[in-house]
Amino acid sequence: MKILVTGGAGFIGSHYVRTMLDGGYPDFEDVHVTVLDELTYAGNRDNLPASHPRLTFVHGNILDRDLLNAVLDGQDAVVHFAAESHVDRSIASGAAFVRTNVEGTQALLEACLAVGVERVVHISTDEVYGSIEEGVWTEESPLLPNSPYAASKAASDLIALAYVRTHRLNVSVTRCSNNYGPYQHPEKFIPLAVTNLLEGRPIPVYGDGGQIREWLHVDDHCRAVHQVLTRGRAGEVYNIGAGTAVPNLALAHRLAELCGAEPDMIRHITDRKAHDRRYALDQGKIEQELGHRPLTAFDTGLAETVAWYRDNPQWWKPVKESGGRP
């Protein structure tokens, strides 16, 4: 079997690839994985085992139709992680988000049709739902995105589902809560806070820090994605959460404690434009249909993540020193 992973040099995609190549998914121990990644600032070849015999790496843009047709030829399935994903960058300039997330997804799906790929999983985010004051979002909740990033992902979700209805392409969509774990780019909140503290710099917290997020370990997310790949239904959306809701300020205090820093290292900064206040996913569907449940306790996963960044400055220091580009 052959699987194409787009964005496979990024944080979540590379974890999925490494787990696959390490034999972490039953019955997929002999799969050949092709990674397609443009290696923008968030992609890093060091995230992948370059010499693995079952890995092929292709450096390229998902909008390159000829390249897509060539890379997809002979693939049995696609797991589509490739995306621009940082909200702050989308607020500064949304054009790249529309190109990659919307146009790139459409180009990929069109190429899948052209070469006859049988199965696609499209990876999305809970941010497409907007912000919720109370209760939880189900897969039937309306899409009310508030940032250019979230809007671009909502558009890509709708395109993916349209290809199911129009062309009968076998596509499922997943929407996850905030991920954390090793190899995450230090522009994101947890690795930014940890690496700043390790360098003796403060943690920036937007506004009053009362924004509430659910935190999902990257390994639990990738296991869920693989279950959707193997058992999910065409045209269905699956929420992937962990049920661990933490205000940003409380998380900053936890990280300071884990890094041995004082609370005065937390600094409040001007709030982000249109900052969503609360996210909350109902994950009952993926539990009931596919039997998926998260396995990593948040306190354990957070401590292990902090330890990974402490032990691997050779990975993150060059990224920060280059202003984001590895």
C-alpha atoms as a PDB file:
ATOM      1  CA  MET A   1       0.000   0.000   0.000  1.00  0.00           C
ATOM      2  CA  LYS A   2       1.097   3.568  -0.734  1.00  0.00           C
ATOM      3  CA  ILE A   3       0.003   6.711   1.121  1.00  0.00           C
ATOM      4  CA  LEU A   4       0.683  10.340   0.254  1.00  0.00           C
ATOM      5  CA  VAL A   5       0.925  12.730   3.219  1.00  0.00           C
ATOM      6  CA  THR A   6       0.756  16.399   2.294  1.00  0.00           C
ATOM      7  CA  GLY A   7       2.445  18.750   4.722  1.00  0.00           C
ATOM      8  CA  GLY A   8       4.269  15.758   6.135  1.00  0.00           C
ATOM      9  CA  ALA A   9       7.294  17.785   7.257  1.00  0.00           C
ATOM     10  CA  GLY A  10       5.170  19.911   9.579  1.00  0.00           C
ATOM     11  CA  PHE A  11       4.372  19.305  13.233  1.00  0.00           C
ATOM     12  CA  ILE A  12       1.305  17.058  13.007  1.00  0.00           C
ATOM     13  CA  GLY A  13       1.996  15.532   9.602  1.00  0.00           C
ATOM     14  CA  SER A  14       5.513  14.490  10.560  1.00  0.00           C
ATOM     15  CA  HIS A  15       4.259  12.828  13.745  1.00  0.00           C
ATOM     16  CA  TYR A  16       1.816  10.820  11.654  1.00  0.00           C
ATOM     17  CA  VAL A  17       4.574   9.835   9.224  1.00  0.00           C
ATOM     18  CA  ARG A  18       7.071   8.881  11.936  1.00  0.00           C
ATOM     19  CA  THR A  19       4.467   6.762  13.707  1.00  0.00           C
ATOM     20  CA  MET A  20       3.539   5.035  10.450  1.00  0.00           C
ATOM     21  CA  LEU A  21       7.153   4.276   9.593  1.00  0.00           C
ATOM     22  CA  ASP A  22       7.819   3.037  13.151  1.00  0.00           C
ATOM     23  CA  GLY A  23       5.028   0.476  12.804  1.00  0.00           C
ATOM     24  CA  GLY A  24       2.713   2.319  15.157  1.00  0.00           C
ATOM     25  CA  TYR A  25      -0.471   1.604  13.186  1.00  0.00           C
ATOM     26  CA  PRO A  26      -1.498  -2.085  13.009  1.00  0.00           C
ATOM     27  CA  ASP A  27      -1.621  -3.591   9.522  1.00  0.00           C
ATOM     28  CA  PHE A  28       0.250  -0.605   8.078  1.00  0.00           C
ATOM     29  CA  GLU A  29       3.775  -1.729   8.971  1.00  0.00           C
ATOM     30  CA  ASP A  30       4.781  -2.193   5.314  1.00  0.00           C
ATOM     31  CA  VAL A  31       3.178   0.936   3.848  1.00  0.00           C
ATOM     32  CA  HIS A  32       5.317   3.191   1.670  1.00  0.00           C
ATOM     33  CA  VAL A  33       4.839   6.863   2.583  1.00  0.00           C
ATOM     34  CA  THR A  34       5.393   9.762   0.209  1.00  0.00           C
ATOM     35  CA  VAL A  35       5.589  13.208   1.794  1.00  0.00           C
ATOM     36  CA  LEU A  36       4.794  16.277  -0.307  1.00  0.00           C
ATOM     37  CA  ASP A  37       5.864  19.489   1.409  1.00  0.00           C
ATOM     38  CA  GLU A  38       6.912  22.920   0.184  1.00  0.00           C
ATOM     39  CA  LEU A  39       9.093  23.420   3.278  1.00  0.00           C
ATOM     40  CA  THR A  40       7.735  26.830   4.154  1.00  0.00           C
ATOM     41  CA  TYR A  41       8.868  28.230   7.512  1.00  0.00           C
ATOM     42  CA  ALA A  42       6.750  25.624   9.372  1.00  0.00           C
ATOM     43  CA  GLY A  43       8.090  22.597   7.488  1.00  0.00           C
ATOM     44  CA  ASN A  44      11.360  21.008   8.555  1.00  0.00           C
ATOM     45  CA  ARG A  45      13.177  18.060   6.985  1.00  0.00           C
ATOM     46  CA  ASP A  46      14.682  17.317  10.403  1.00  0.00           C
ATOM     47  CA  ASN A  47      11.200  16.225  11.505  1.00  0.00           C
ATOM     48  CA  LEU A  48      11.456  13.179   9.233  1.00  0.00           C
ATOM     49  CA  PRO A  49      13.750  10.094   9.106  1.00  0.00           C
ATOM     50  CA  ALA A  50      15.398  11.069   5.833  1.00  0.00           C
ATOM     51  CA  SER A  51      17.032   7.710   5.106  1.00  0.00           C
ATOM     52  CA  HIS A  52      14.058   5.476   5.887  1.00  0.00           C
ATOM     53  CA  PRO A  53      13.586   2.918   3.081  1.00  0.00           C
ATOM     54  CA  ARG A  54       9.792   3.313   3.063  1.00  0.00           C
ATOM     55  CA  LEU A  55       9.836   7.123   2.837  1.00  0.00           C
ATOM     56  CA  THR A  56       9.958   9.257  -0.295  1.00  0.00           C
ATOM     57  CA  PHE A  57      10.183  13.012   0.142  1.00  0.00           C
ATOM     58  CA  VAL A  58       8.996  15.370  -2.603  1.00  0.00           C
ATOM     59  CA  HIS A  59       9.720  19.075  -2.273  1.00  0.00           C
ATOM     60  CA  GLY A  60       6.937  20.949  -4.020  1.00  0.00           C
ATOM     61  CA  ASN A  61       3.890  23.188  -3.962  1.00  0.00           C
ATOM     62  CA  ILE A  62       0.424  21.723  -3.624  1.00  0.00           C
ATOM     63  CA  LEU A  63      -0.775  24.137  -6.313  1.00  0.00           C
ATOM     64  CA  ASP A  64       1.511  22.565  -8.912  1.00  0.00           C
ATOM     65  CA  ARG A  65      -1.003  20.483 -10.882  1.00  0.00           C
ATOM     66  CA  ASP A  66       1.572  18.589 -12.941  1.00  0.00           C
ATOM     67  CA  LEU A  67       3.531  17.692  -9.827  1.00  0.00           C
ATOM     68  CA  LEU A  68       0.364  16.575  -8.044  1.00  0.00           C
ATOM     69  CA  ASN A  69      -0.613  14.289 -10.898  1.00  0.00           C
ATOM     70  CA  ALA A  70       2.852  12.736 -10.924  1.00  0.00           C
ATOM     71  CA  VAL A  71       3.096  12.296  -7.149  1.00  0.00           C
ATOM     72  CA  LEU A  72      -0.446  10.940  -6.788  1.00  0.00           C
ATOM     73  CA  ASP A  73      -0.075   8.352  -9.524  1.00  0.00           C
ATOM     74  CA  GLY A  74      -0.116   4.931  -7.859  1.00  0.00           C
ATOM     75  CA  GLN A  75      -1.108   6.190  -4.402  1.00  0.00           C
ATOM     76  CA  ASP A  76      -3.887   4.359  -2.581  1.00  0.00           C
ATOM     77  CA  ALA A  77      -4.780   7.126  -0.142  1.00  0.00           C
ATOM     78  CA  VAL A  78      -4.004  10.729   0.802  1.00  0.00           C
ATOM     79  CA  VAL A  79      -3.876  12.286   4.252  1.00  0.00           C
ATOM     80  CA  HIS A  80      -4.037  16.025   3.669  1.00  0.00           C
ATOM     81  CA  PHE A  81      -2.295  17.962   6.464  1.00  0.00           C
ATOM     82  CA  ALA A  82      -0.794  20.709   4.290  1.00  0.00           C
ATOM     83  CA  ALA A  83      -2.036  24.119   5.423  1.00  0.00           C
ATOM     84  CA  GLU A  84      -1.081  27.580   6.545  1.00  0.00           C
ATOM     85  CA  SER A  85      -2.180  27.428  10.172  1.00  0.00           C
ATOM     86  CA  HIS A  86      -1.110  30.399  12.299  1.00  0.00           C
ATOM     87  CA  VAL A  87      -3.928  32.820  13.120  1.00  0.00           C
ATOM     88  CA  ASP A  88      -1.644  35.816  13.751  1.00  0.00           C
ATOM     89  CA  ARG A  89      -0.023  35.429  10.332  1.00  0.00           C
ATOM     90  CA  SER A  90      -3.467  35.215   8.690  1.00  0.00           C
ATOM     91  CA  ILE A  91      -4.486  38.473  10.353  1.00  0.00           C
ATOM     92  CA  ALA A  92      -1.344  40.178   9.044  1.00  0.00           C
ATOM     93  CA  SER A  93      -1.922  38.807   5.529  1.00  0.00           C
ATOM     94  CA  GLY A  94      -4.583  36.328   4.460  1.00  0.00           C
ATOM     95  CA  ALA A  95      -3.548  35.759   0.844  1.00  0.00           C
ATOM     96  CA  ALA A  96      -1.266  32.761   1.491  1.00  0.00           C
ATOM     97  CA  PHE A  97      -3.998  31.112   3.552  1.00  0.00           C
ATOM     98  CA  VAL A  98      -6.506  31.325   0.717  1.00  0.00           C
ATOM     99  CA  ARG A  99      -3.968  30.045  -1.808  1.00  0.00           C
ATOM    100  CA  THR A 100      -2.743  27.074   0.216  1.00  0.00           C
ATOM    101  CA  ASN A 101      -5.791  26.108   2.231  1.00  0.00           C
ATOM    102  CA  VAL A 102      -8.537  26.750  -0.319  1.00  0.00           C
ATOM    103  CA  GLU A 103      -6.954  26.604  -3.762  1.00  0.00           C
ATOM    104  CA  GLY A 104      -4.454  23.962  -2.670  1.00  0.00           C
ATOM    105  CA  THR A 105      -7.168  21.666  -1.354  1.00  0.00           C
ATOM    106  CA  GLN A 106      -9.193  22.039  -4.537  1.00  0.00           C
ATOM    107  CA  ALA A 107      -6.126  21.297  -6.674  1.00  0.00           C
ATOM    108  CA  LEU A 108      -5.349  18.195  -4.618  1.00  0.00           C
ATOM    109  CA  LEU A 109      -8.879  16.833  -4.857  1.00  0.00           C
ATOM    110  CA  GLU A 110      -9.027  17.468  -8.598  1.00  0.00           C
ATOM    111  CA  ALA A 111      -5.757  15.603  -9.028  1.00  0.00           C
ATOM    112  CA  CYS A 112      -7.075  12.714  -6.914  1.00  0.00           C
ATOM    113  CA  LEU A 113     -10.001  12.431  -9.299  1.00  0.00           C
ATOM    114  CA  ALA A 114      -7.741  12.589 -12.331  1.00  0.00           C
ATOM    115  CA  VAL A 115      -5.456   9.738 -11.244  1.00  0.00           C
ATOM    116  CA  GLY A 116      -8.038   7.629  -9.387  1.00  0.00           C
ATOM    117  CA  VAL A 117      -6.948   7.874  -5.749  1.00  0.00           C
ATOM    118  CA  GLU A 118      -9.419   5.849  -3.713  1.00  0.00           C
ATOM    119  CA  ARG A 119      -9.356   7.521  -0.265  1.00  0.00           C
ATOM    120  CA  VAL A 120      -8.705  11.010   1.157  1.00  0.00           C
ATOM    121  CA  VAL A 121      -8.752  12.384   4.703  1.00  0.00           C
ATOM    122  CA  HIS A 122      -8.849  16.180   4.922  1.00  0.00           C
ATOM    123  CA  ILE A 123      -7.492  17.603   8.182  1.00  0.00           C
ATOM    124  CA  SER A 124      -9.245  20.669   9.558  1.00  0.00           C
ATOM    125  CA  THR A 125      -9.713  22.538  12.837  1.00  0.00           C
ATOM    126  CA  ASP A 126     -12.292  23.369  15.486  1.00  0.00           C
ATOM    127  CA  GLU A 127     -11.693  27.047  14.693  1.00  0.00           C
ATOM    128  CA  VAL A 128     -14.081  26.759  11.733  1.00  0.00           C
ATOM    129  CA  TYR A 129     -16.935  26.793  14.259  1.00  0.00           C
ATOM    130  CA  GLY A 130     -15.963  30.205  15.640  1.00  0.00           C
ATOM    131  CA  SER A 131     -16.390  30.824  19.363  1.00  0.00           C
ATOM    132  CA  ILE A 132     -18.903  29.265  21.730  1.00  0.00           C
ATOM    133  CA  GLU A 133     -19.968  30.738  25.078  1.00  0.00           C
ATOM    134  CA  GLU A 134     -21.313  27.492  26.546  1.00  0.00           C
ATOM    135  CA  GLY A 135     -22.001  23.929  25.489  1.00  0.00           C
ATOM    136  CA  VAL A 136     -20.104  22.095  22.747  1.00  0.00           C
ATOM    137  CA  TRP A 137     -19.954  21.941  18.975  1.00  0.00           C
ATOM    138  CA  THR A 138     -21.153  18.839  17.203  1.00  0.00           C
ATOM    139  CA  GLU A 139     -20.299  18.018  13.594  1.00  0.00           C
ATOM    140  CA  GLU A 140     -23.666  19.551  12.650  1.00  0.00           C
ATOM    141  CA  SER A 141     -22.889  22.948  14.199  1.00  0.00           C
ATOM    142  CA  PRO A 142     -22.792  25.893  11.781  1.00  0.00           C
ATOM    143  CA  LEU A 143     -19.455  27.159  10.513  1.00  0.00           C
ATOM    144  CA  LEU A 144     -18.865  30.684  11.838  1.00  0.00           C
ATOM    145  CA  PRO A 145     -15.131  31.363  11.463  1.00  0.00           C
ATOM    146  CA  ASN A 146     -13.735  34.640  12.779  1.00  0.00           C
ATOM    147  CA  SER A 147     -10.135  34.747  11.447  1.00  0.00           C
ATOM    148  CA  PRO A 148      -8.885  34.556   7.855  1.00  0.00           C
ATOM    149  CA  TYR A 149      -7.168  31.290   8.814  1.00  0.00           C
ATOM    150  CA  ALA A 150     -10.376  29.739  10.152  1.00  0.00           C
ATOM    151  CA  ALA A 151     -12.370  31.018   7.170  1.00  0.00           C
ATOM    152  CA  SER A 152      -9.886  29.459   4.746  1.00  0.00           C
ATOM    153  CA  LYS A 153     -10.157  26.113   6.542  1.00  0.00           C
ATOM    154  CA  ALA A 154     -13.962  26.297   6.562  1.00  0.00           C
ATOM    155  CA  ALA A 155     -13.894  26.925   2.819  1.00  0.00           C
ATOM    156  CA  SER A 156     -11.575  23.974   2.266  1.00  0.00           C
ATOM    157  CA  ASP A 157     -13.888  21.749   4.328  1.00  0.00           C
ATOM    158  CA  LEU A 158     -16.841  22.708   2.155  1.00  0.00           C
ATOM    159  CA  ILE A 159     -14.858  22.077  -1.021  1.00  0.00           C
ATOM    160  CA  ALA A 160     -13.838  18.636   0.257  1.00  0.00           C
ATOM    161  CA  LEU A 161     -17.421  17.713   1.091  1.00  0.00           C
ATOM    162  CA  ALA A 162     -18.614  19.057  -2.270  1.00  0.00           C
ATOM    163  CA  TYR A 163     -16.230  16.654  -4.044  1.00  0.00           C
ATOM    164  CA  VAL A 164     -17.930  13.813  -2.205  1.00  0.00           C
ATOM    165  CA  ARG A 165     -21.389  14.890  -3.311  1.00  0.00           C
ATOM    166  CA  THR A 166     -20.482  15.961  -6.852  1.00  0.00           C
ATOM    167  CA  HIS A 167     -17.823  13.429  -7.804  1.00  0.00           C
ATOM    168  CA  ARG A 168     -18.384  10.656  -5.231  1.00  0.00           C
ATOM    169  CA  LEU A 169     -14.776  11.004  -4.094  1.00  0.00           C
ATOM    170  CA  ASN A 170     -14.212   9.054  -0.874  1.00  0.00           C
ATOM    171  CA  VAL A 171     -13.298  11.961   1.448  1.00  0.00           C
ATOM    172  CA  SER A 172     -13.711  12.340   5.207  1.00  0.00           C
ATOM    173  CA  VAL A 173     -13.040  15.556   7.164  1.00  0.00           C
ATOM    174  CA  THR A 174     -11.564  15.772  10.663  1.00  0.00           C
ATOM    175  CA  ARG A 175     -11.701  18.825  12.941  1.00  0.00           C
ATOM    176  CA  CYS A 176      -9.321  18.834  15.885  1.00  0.00           C
ATOM    177  CA  SER A 177      -8.825  20.938  18.976  1.00  0.00           C
ATOM    178  CA  ASN A 178      -5.488  22.629  19.782  1.00  0.00           C
ATOM    179  CA  ASN A 179      -2.554  20.229  19.404  1.00  0.00           C
ATOM    180  CA  TYR A 180       0.615  20.103  21.471  1.00  0.00           C
ATOM    181  CA  GLY A 181       3.678  17.875  21.648  1.00  0.00           C
ATOM    182  CA  PRO A 182       7.292  17.623  20.419  1.00  0.00           C
ATOM    183  CA  TYR A 183       8.428  19.213  17.153  1.00  0.00           C
ATOM    184  CA  GLN A 184       5.753  21.933  17.238  1.00  0.00           C
ATOM    185  CA  HIS A 185       6.906  25.213  15.706  1.00  0.00           C
ATOM    186  CA  PRO A 186       7.747  27.802  18.388  1.00  0.00           C
ATOM    187  CA  GLU A 187       5.287  30.334  17.007  1.00  0.00           C
ATOM    188  CA  LYS A 188       2.519  28.326  18.732  1.00  0.00           C
ATOM    189  CA  PHE A 189       1.568  29.107  22.322  1.00  0.00           C
ATOM    190  CA  ILE A 190       2.989  26.141  24.261  1.00  0.00           C
ATOM    191  CA  PRO A 191       6.377  25.887  22.496  1.00  0.00           C
ATOM    192  CA  LEU A 192       6.666  29.696  22.374  1.00  0.00           C
ATOM    193  CA  ALA A 193       6.103  29.896  26.120  1.00  0.00           C
ATOM    194  CA  VAL A 194       8.465  27.026  26.914  1.00  0.00           C
ATOM    195  CA  THR A 195      11.304  28.135  24.654  1.00  0.00           C
ATOM    196  CA  ASN A 196      10.981  31.735  25.845  1.00  0.00           C
ATOM    197  CA  LEU A 197      11.247  30.617  29.460  1.00  0.00           C
ATOM    198  CA  LEU A 198      14.221  28.396  28.681  1.00  0.00           C
ATOM    199  CA  GLU A 199      15.907  31.487  27.231  1.00  0.00           C
ATOM    200  CA  GLY A 200      14.959  33.637  30.223  1.00  0.00           C
ATOM    201  CA  ARG A 201      12.312  35.564  28.297  1.00  0.00           C
ATOM    202  CA  PRO A 202       8.687  36.176  29.351  1.00  0.00           C
ATOM    203  CA  ILE A 203       5.535  34.391  28.183  1.00  0.00           C
ATOM    204  CA  PRO A 204       3.245  36.688  26.141  1.00  0.00           C
ATOM    205  CA  VAL A 205      -0.444  36.213  26.976  1.00  0.00           C
ATOM    206  CA  TYR A 206      -3.137  37.926  24.914  1.00  0.00           C
ATOM    207  CA  GLY A 207      -5.571  40.177  26.790  1.00  0.00           C
ATOM    208  CA  ASP A 208      -6.731  38.880  30.154  1.00  0.00           C
ATOM    209  CA  GLY A 209      -5.729  35.295  29.297  1.00  0.00           C
ATOM    210  CA  GLY A 210      -9.268  34.050  29.868  1.00  0.00           C
ATOM    211  CA  GLN A 211      -9.577  32.415  26.444  1.00  0.00           C
ATOM    212  CA  ILE A 212     -10.358  28.719  26.888  1.00  0.00           C
ATOM    213  CA  ARG A 213      -8.878  26.034  24.650  1.00  0.00           C
ATOM    214  CA  GLU A 214      -9.041  22.244  24.597  1.00  0.00           C
ATOM    215  CA  TRP A 215      -5.626  20.598  24.332  1.00  0.00           C
ATOM    216  CA  LEU A 216      -5.044  17.416  22.367  1.00  0.00           C
ATOM    217  CA  HIS A 217      -1.732  15.563  22.304  1.00  0.00           C
ATOM    218  CA  VAL A 218      -0.469  15.166  18.749  1.00  0.00           C
ATOM    219  CA  ASP A 219      -0.234  11.384  19.135  1.00  0.00           C
ATOM    220  CA  ASP A 220      -3.907  11.124  20.104  1.00  0.00           C
ATOM    221  CA  HIS A 221      -4.795  13.328  17.147  1.00  0.00           C
ATOM    222  CA  CYS A 222      -2.815  11.218  14.693  1.00  0.00           C
ATOM    223  CA  ARG A 223      -4.285   7.969  16.016  1.00  0.00           C
ATOM    224  CA  ALA A 224      -7.743   9.426  15.443  1.00  0.00           C
ATOM    225  CA  VAL A 225      -6.852  10.543  11.925  1.00  0.00           C
ATOM    226  CA  HIS A 226      -5.649   7.037  11.130  1.00  0.00           C
ATOM    227  CA  GLN A 227      -8.873   5.535  12.447  1.00  0.00           C
ATOM    228  CA  VAL A 228     -10.814   7.885  10.190  1.00  0.00           C
ATOM    229  CA  LEU A 229      -8.596   6.879   7.262  1.00  0.00           C
ATOM    230  CA  THR A 230      -9.251   3.191   7.787  1.00  0.00           C
ATOM    231  CA  ARG A 231     -12.834   3.189   9.065  1.00  0.00           C
ATOM    232  CA  GLY A 232     -14.378   6.612   8.519  1.00  0.00           C
ATOM    233  CA  ARG A 233     -17.258   7.149   6.138  1.00  0.00           C
ATOM    234  CA  ALA A 234     -17.212   9.221   2.969  1.00  0.00           C
ATOM    235  CA  GLY A 235     -18.769  12.659   3.352  1.00  0.00           C
ATOM    236  CA  GLU A 236     -18.620  12.568   7.145  1.00  0.00           C
ATOM    237  CA  VAL A 237     -17.016  15.056   9.525  1.00  0.00           C
ATOM    238  CA  TYR A 238     -15.349  13.800  12.724  1.00  0.00           C
ATOM    239  CA  ASN A 239     -14.523  16.077  15.653  1.00  0.00           C
ATOM    240  CA  ILE A 240     -11.296  15.111  17.457  1.00  0.00           C
ATOM    241  CA  GLY A 241     -10.887  16.504  20.947  1.00  0.00           C
ATOM    242  CA  ALA A 242      -9.537  15.558  24.341  1.00  0.00           C
ATOM    243  CA  GLY A 243     -12.010  17.182  26.725  1.00  0.00           C
ATOM    244  CA  THR A 244      -9.201  19.082  28.453  1.00  0.00           C
ATOM    245  CA  ALA A 245     -10.304  22.725  28.689  1.00  0.00           C
ATOM    246  CA  VAL A 246      -7.790  25.198  30.132  1.00  0.00           C
ATOM    247  CA  PRO A 247      -7.767  29.028  30.150  1.00  0.00           C
ATOM    248  CA  ASN A 248      -4.653  30.433  28.506  1.00  0.00           C
ATOM    249  CA  LEU A 249      -3.543  32.234  31.661  1.00  0.00           C
ATOM    250  CA  ALA A 250      -3.840  29.065  33.741  1.00  0.00           C
ATOM    251  CA  LEU A 251      -1.811  27.206  31.119  1.00  0.00           C
ATOM    252  CA  ALA A 252       0.862  29.904  31.216  1.00  0.00           C
ATOM    253  CA  HIS A 253       1.148  29.417  34.985  1.00  0.00           C
ATOM    254  CA  ARG A 254       1.485  25.635  34.530  1.00  0.00           C
ATOM    255  CA  LEU A 255       4.234  26.104  31.967  1.00  0.00           C
ATOM    256  CA  ALA A 256       6.096  28.561  34.175  1.00  0.00           C
ATOM    257  CA  GLU A 257       5.985  26.057  37.027  1.00  0.00           C
ATOM    258  CA  LEU A 258       7.218  23.215  34.803  1.00  0.00           C
ATOM    259  CA  CYS A 259      10.091  25.394  33.596  1.00  0.00           C
ATOM    260  CA  GLY A 260      11.009  26.490  37.110  1.00  0.00           C
ATOM    261  CA  ALA A 261      10.104  30.117  36.372  1.00  0.00           C
ATOM    262  CA  GLU A 262       8.323  32.683  38.520  1.00  0.00           C
ATOM    263  CA  PRO A 263       4.778  33.889  37.711  1.00  0.00           C
ATOM    264  CA  ASP A 264       6.138  37.362  36.978  1.00  0.00           C
ATOM    265  CA  MET A 265       7.504  35.932  33.724  1.00  0.00           C
ATOM    266  CA  ILE A 266       3.941  36.047  32.379  1.00  0.00           C
ATOM    267  CA  ARG A 267       3.258  39.306  30.512  1.00  0.00           C
ATOM    268  CA  HIS A 268      -0.148  40.411  29.253  1.00  0.00           C
ATOM    269  CA  ILE A 269      -0.101  41.955  25.779  1.00  0.00           C
ATOM    270  CA  THR A 270      -2.722  43.628  23.597  1.00  0.00           C
ATOM    271  CA  ASP A 271      -5.383  41.137  22.609  1.00  0.00           C
ATOM    272  CA  ARG A 272      -5.561  39.646  19.123  1.00  0.00           C
ATOM    273  CA  LYS A 273      -8.209  40.999  16.729  1.00  0.00           C
ATOM    274  CA  ALA A 274     -11.461  38.999  16.786  1.00  0.00           C
ATOM    275  CA  HIS A 275      -9.964  36.617  19.349  1.00  0.00           C
ATOM    276  CA  ASP A 276     -12.221  33.598  19.891  1.00  0.00           C
ATOM    277  CA  ARG A 277     -13.081  33.260  23.574  1.00  0.00           C
ATOM    278  CA  ARG A 278     -13.861  29.576  23.945  1.00  0.00           C
ATOM    279  CA  TYR A 279     -13.636  26.356  21.927  1.00  0.00           C
ATOM    280  CA  ALA A 280     -15.344  23.101  22.939  1.00  0.00           C
ATOM    281  CA  LEU A 281     -15.819  19.946  20.852  1.00  0.00           C
ATOM    282  CA  ASP A 282     -18.296  17.115  21.232  1.00  0.00           C
ATOM    283  CA  GLN A 283     -16.268  14.015  20.344  1.00  0.00           C
ATOM    284  CA  GLY A 284     -19.087  11.527  20.826  1.00  0.00           C
ATOM    285  CA  LYS A 285     -19.321  10.665  17.141  1.00  0.00           C
ATOM    286  CA  ILE A 286     -15.738   9.440  16.741  1.00  0.00           C
ATOM    287  CA  GLU A 287     -15.966   7.566  20.043  1.00  0.00           C
ATOM    288  CA  GLN A 288     -19.208   5.809  19.123  1.00  0.00           C
ATOM    289  CA  GLU A 289     -18.474   5.084  15.448  1.00  0.00           C
ATOM    290  CA  LEU A 290     -14.736   4.385  15.536  1.00  0.00           C
ATOM    291  CA  GLY A 291     -14.010   3.673  19.192  1.00  0.00           C
ATOM    292  CA  HIS A 292     -11.430   6.437  19.478  1.00  0.00           C
ATOM    293  CA  ARG A 293     -10.494   7.875  22.869  1.00  0.00           C
ATOM    294  CA  PRO A 294      -7.486  10.014  23.790  1.00  0.00           C
ATOM    295  CA  LEU A 295      -4.851   8.172  25.823  1.00  0.00           C
ATOM    296  CA  THR A 296      -2.454  10.934  26.914  1.00  0.00           C
ATOM    297  CA  ALA A 297      -3.334  12.664  30.170  1.00  0.00           C
ATOM    298  CA  PHE A 298      -2.785  16.392  29.776  1.00  0.00           C
ATOM    299  CA  ASP A 299      -0.521  16.826  32.801  1.00  0.00           C
ATOM    300  CA  THR A 300       1.657  13.938  31.638  1.00  0.00           C
ATOM    301  CA  GLY A 301       1.775  15.068  28.028  1.00  0.00           C
ATOM    302  CA  LEU A 302       2.524  18.662  28.987  1.00  0.00           C
ATOM    303  CA  ALA A 303       5.412  17.675  31.269  1.00  0.00           C
ATOM    304  CA  GLU A 304       6.866  15.401  28.575  1.00  0.00           C
ATOM    305  CA  THR A 305       6.543  18.177  25.990  1.00  0.00           C
ATOM    306  CA  VAL A 306       8.368  20.674  28.197  1.00  0.00           C
ATOM    307  CA  ALA A 307      11.098  18.084  28.779  1.00  0.00           C
ATOM    308  CA  TRP A 308      11.448  17.511  25.021  1.00  0.00           C
ATOM    309  CA  TYR A 309      12.046  21.213  24.346  1.00  0.00           C
ATOM    310  CA  ARG A 310      14.469  21.393  27.252  1.00  0.00           C
ATOM    311  CA  ASP A 311      16.410  18.424  25.824  1.00  0.00           C
ATOM    312  CA  ASN A 312      16.341  19.517  22.164  1.00  0.00           C
ATOM    313  CA  PRO A 313      17.516  23.122  21.834  1.00  0.00           C
ATOM    314  CA  GLN A 314      19.405  22.122  18.693  1.00  0.00           C
ATOM    315  CA  TRP A 315      16.012  21.715  17.003  1.00  0.00           C
ATOM    316  CA  TRP A 316      14.214  24.879  18.104  1.00  0.00           C
ATOM    317  CA  LYS A 317      16.992  27.440  18.566  1.00  0.00           C
ATOM    318  CA  PRO A 318      17.818  27.673  14.841  1.00  0.00           C
ATOM    319  CA  VAL A 319      14.120  28.110  14.075  1.00  0.00           C
ATOM    320  CA  LYS A 320      13.757  31.008  16.494  1.00  0.00           C
ATOM    321  CA  GLU A 321      17.055  32.592  15.533  1.00  0.00           C
ATOM    322  CA  SER A 322      16.109  32.599  11.858  1.00  0.00           C
ATOM    323  CA  GLY A 323      12.859  34.405  12.594  1.00  0.00           C
ATOM    324  CA  GLY A 324      10.765  31.324  11.944  1.00  0.00           C
ATOM    325  CA  ARG A 325      12.414  29.663   8.964  1.00  0.00           C
ATOM    326  CA  PRO A 326      14.376  26.430   9.723  1.00  0.00           C
END
